[in-house]
Amino acid sequence: MNDNQSNQSTTEENRTLIRQVYEDFSRGDVAAVLSALSPKVEWTDAEGFPYAGTNVSPEAVKENVFMRIGTEWDRFEAWASDYVADGDRRIPLHLQGHRAKC
């Protein structure tokens, strides 16, 4: 296998991983999502989102993002519209929908 074939294989594996994580998230399987994250994960939510900022570690993502989503929203959905995968970097480009608890 040449370097190009190896890189394509890794990229497709990364895309598959991201798809699986979003499927797990949509089913509410937080344990599966967290187990897929690297211990060195850097999870960044965009400025303007209530959880804006970067969380470093699966535990930080769980506490500062997932636990808040579970307690602050009646309904929260996220789906990836596309995926960027290059080497060990995996970036989902996603959309989300939510309804706050009243």
C-alpha atoms as a PDB file:
ATOM      1  CA  MET A   1       0.000   0.000   0.000  1.00  0.00           C
ATOM      2  CA  ASN A   2       1.427   3.384  -0.938  1.00  0.00           C
ATOM      3  CA  ASP A   3       1.183   6.550   1.201  1.00  0.00           C
ATOM      4  CA  ASN A   4      -1.801   7.865  -0.780  1.00  0.00           C
ATOM      5  CA  GLN A   5      -3.776   4.636  -0.306  1.00  0.00           C
ATOM      6  CA  SER A   6      -2.895   4.576   3.405  1.00  0.00           C
ATOM      7  CA  ASN A   7      -4.030   8.190   3.829  1.00  0.00           C
ATOM      8  CA  GLN A   8      -7.318   7.498   2.001  1.00  0.00           C
ATOM      9  CA  SER A   9      -7.924   4.475   4.232  1.00  0.00           C
ATOM     10  CA  THR A  10      -7.268   6.511   7.391  1.00  0.00           C
ATOM     11  CA  THR A  11      -9.502   9.319   6.150  1.00  0.00           C
ATOM     12  CA  GLU A  12     -12.377   6.914   5.484  1.00  0.00           C
ATOM     13  CA  GLU A  13     -11.897   5.284   8.908  1.00  0.00           C
ATOM     14  CA  ASN A  14     -12.089   8.750  10.485  1.00  0.00           C
ATOM     15  CA  ARG A  15     -15.262   9.594   8.552  1.00  0.00           C
ATOM     16  CA  THR A  16     -16.800   6.300   9.686  1.00  0.00           C
ATOM     17  CA  LEU A  17     -15.880   7.060  13.308  1.00  0.00           C
ATOM     18  CA  ILE A  18     -17.473  10.517  13.147  1.00  0.00           C
ATOM     19  CA  ARG A  19     -20.668   9.113  11.598  1.00  0.00           C
ATOM     20  CA  GLN A  20     -20.856   6.488  14.356  1.00  0.00           C
ATOM     21  CA  VAL A  21     -20.377   9.085  17.091  1.00  0.00           C
ATOM     22  CA  TYR A  22     -23.232  11.188  15.703  1.00  0.00           C
ATOM     23  CA  GLU A  23     -25.454   8.098  15.491  1.00  0.00           C
ATOM     24  CA  ASP A  24     -24.587   7.243  19.113  1.00  0.00           C
ATOM     25  CA  PHE A  25     -25.342  10.817  20.162  1.00  0.00           C
ATOM     26  CA  SER A  26     -28.707  10.787  18.377  1.00  0.00           C
ATOM     27  CA  ARG A  27     -29.635   7.634  20.334  1.00  0.00           C
ATOM     28  CA  GLY A  28     -28.582   9.269  23.608  1.00  0.00           C
ATOM     29  CA  ASP A  29     -25.678   6.851  24.103  1.00  0.00           C
ATOM     30  CA  VAL A  30     -23.361   9.287  25.883  1.00  0.00           C
ATOM     31  CA  ALA A  31     -21.086   6.487  27.133  1.00  0.00           C
ATOM     32  CA  ALA A  32     -20.393   5.395  23.539  1.00  0.00           C
ATOM     33  CA  VAL A  33     -19.708   8.979  22.465  1.00  0.00           C
ATOM     34  CA  LEU A  34     -17.320   9.585  25.353  1.00  0.00           C
ATOM     35  CA  SER A  35     -15.491   6.300  24.752  1.00  0.00           C
ATOM     36  CA  ALA A  36     -14.820   7.373  21.150  1.00  0.00           C
ATOM     37  CA  LEU A  37     -13.126  10.593  22.260  1.00  0.00           C
ATOM     38  CA  SER A  38      -9.384  10.815  22.673  1.00  0.00           C
ATOM     39  CA  PRO A  39      -8.188  11.518  26.226  1.00  0.00           C
ATOM     40  CA  LYS A  40      -6.665  14.652  24.640  1.00  0.00           C
ATOM     41  CA  VAL A  41      -9.885  15.745  22.917  1.00  0.00           C
ATOM     42  CA  GLU A  42     -10.370  19.465  22.382  1.00  0.00           C
ATOM     43  CA  TRP A  43     -14.125  19.994  22.041  1.00  0.00           C
ATOM     44  CA  THR A  44     -14.929  23.541  20.952  1.00  0.00           C
ATOM     45  CA  ASP A  45     -18.391  25.045  20.778  1.00  0.00           C
ATOM     46  CA  ALA A  46     -18.714  28.187  18.693  1.00  0.00           C
ATOM     47  CA  GLU A  47     -18.977  31.677  20.068  1.00  0.00           C
ATOM     48  CA  GLY A  48     -22.626  32.602  20.531  1.00  0.00           C
ATOM     49  CA  PHE A  49     -23.611  29.086  21.620  1.00  0.00           C
ATOM     50  CA  PRO A  50     -24.493  28.853  25.340  1.00  0.00           C
ATOM     51  CA  TYR A  51     -21.559  26.486  25.933  1.00  0.00           C
ATOM     52  CA  ALA A  52     -19.025  28.468  23.890  1.00  0.00           C
ATOM     53  CA  GLY A  53     -15.429  27.604  24.595  1.00  0.00           C
ATOM     54  CA  THR A  54     -13.102  24.632  24.548  1.00  0.00           C
ATOM     55  CA  ASN A  55     -13.266  21.586  26.808  1.00  0.00           C
ATOM     56  CA  VAL A  56     -10.156  19.438  27.068  1.00  0.00           C
ATOM     57  CA  SER A  57     -10.877  15.815  28.112  1.00  0.00           C
ATOM     58  CA  PRO A  58     -13.884  13.526  27.769  1.00  0.00           C
ATOM     59  CA  GLU A  59     -14.848  14.272  31.384  1.00  0.00           C
ATOM     60  CA  ALA A  60     -14.923  18.024  30.675  1.00  0.00           C
ATOM     61  CA  VAL A  61     -17.107  17.417  27.604  1.00  0.00           C
ATOM     62  CA  LYS A  62     -19.460  15.280  29.674  1.00  0.00           C
ATOM     63  CA  GLU A  63     -19.771  17.810  32.505  1.00  0.00           C
ATOM     64  CA  ASN A  64     -19.719  21.090  30.570  1.00  0.00           C
ATOM     65  CA  VAL A  65     -21.629  20.066  27.456  1.00  0.00           C
ATOM     66  CA  PHE A  66     -23.602  16.817  27.699  1.00  0.00           C
ATOM     67  CA  MET A  67     -24.817  17.218  31.302  1.00  0.00           C
ATOM     68  CA  ARG A  68     -25.937  20.752  30.557  1.00  0.00           C
ATOM     69  CA  ILE A  69     -27.713  19.687  27.378  1.00  0.00           C
ATOM     70  CA  GLY A  70     -29.558  17.026  29.358  1.00  0.00           C
ATOM     71  CA  THR A  71     -30.733  19.438  32.028  1.00  0.00           C
ATOM     72  CA  GLU A  72     -31.254  22.652  30.059  1.00  0.00           C
ATOM     73  CA  TRP A  73     -33.015  21.506  26.883  1.00  0.00           C
ATOM     74  CA  ASP A  74     -36.286  19.682  26.261  1.00  0.00           C
ATOM     75  CA  ARG A  75     -35.032  18.571  22.879  1.00  0.00           C
ATOM     76  CA  PHE A  76     -31.559  18.768  21.416  1.00  0.00           C
ATOM     77  CA  GLU A  77     -30.472  17.300  18.094  1.00  0.00           C
ATOM     78  CA  ALA A  78     -27.167  17.539  16.281  1.00  0.00           C
ATOM     79  CA  TRP A  79     -26.335  16.080  12.923  1.00  0.00           C
ATOM     80  CA  ALA A  80     -23.249  16.302  10.789  1.00  0.00           C
ATOM     81  CA  SER A  81     -23.725  17.826   7.374  1.00  0.00           C
ATOM     82  CA  ASP A  82     -20.188  16.875   6.368  1.00  0.00           C
ATOM     83  CA  TYR A  83     -16.936  15.621   7.862  1.00  0.00           C
ATOM     84  CA  VAL A  84     -13.368  16.742   7.501  1.00  0.00           C
ATOM     85  CA  ALA A  85     -10.785  14.079   8.278  1.00  0.00           C
ATOM     86  CA  ASP A  86      -7.056  14.472   7.836  1.00  0.00           C
ATOM     87  CA  GLY A  87      -4.618  12.189   9.612  1.00  0.00           C
ATOM     88  CA  ASP A  88      -5.607  12.056  13.275  1.00  0.00           C
ATOM     89  CA  ARG A  89      -7.828  15.146  13.046  1.00  0.00           C
ATOM     90  CA  ARG A  90     -11.573  14.626  12.723  1.00  0.00           C
ATOM     91  CA  ILE A  91     -13.873  17.600  12.391  1.00  0.00           C
ATOM     92  CA  PRO A  92     -17.629  17.312  11.914  1.00  0.00           C
ATOM     93  CA  LEU A  93     -19.385  20.265  10.324  1.00  0.00           C
ATOM     94  CA  HIS A  94     -22.753  20.137  11.968  1.00  0.00           C
ATOM     95  CA  LEU A  95     -26.143  21.651  12.396  1.00  0.00           C
ATOM     96  CA  GLN A  96     -28.283  21.485  15.485  1.00  0.00           C
ATOM     97  CA  GLY A  97     -31.806  22.048  16.668  1.00  0.00           C
ATOM     98  CA  HIS A  98     -32.970  22.587  20.228  1.00  0.00           C
ATOM     99  CA  ARG A  99     -35.803  23.751  22.426  1.00  0.00           C
ATOM    100  CA  ALA A 100     -35.127  25.229  25.875  1.00  0.00           C
ATOM    101  CA  LYS A 101     -36.925  23.978  28.956  1.00  0.00           C
ATOM    102  CA  CYS A 102     -39.545  26.421  30.184  1.00  0.00           C
END
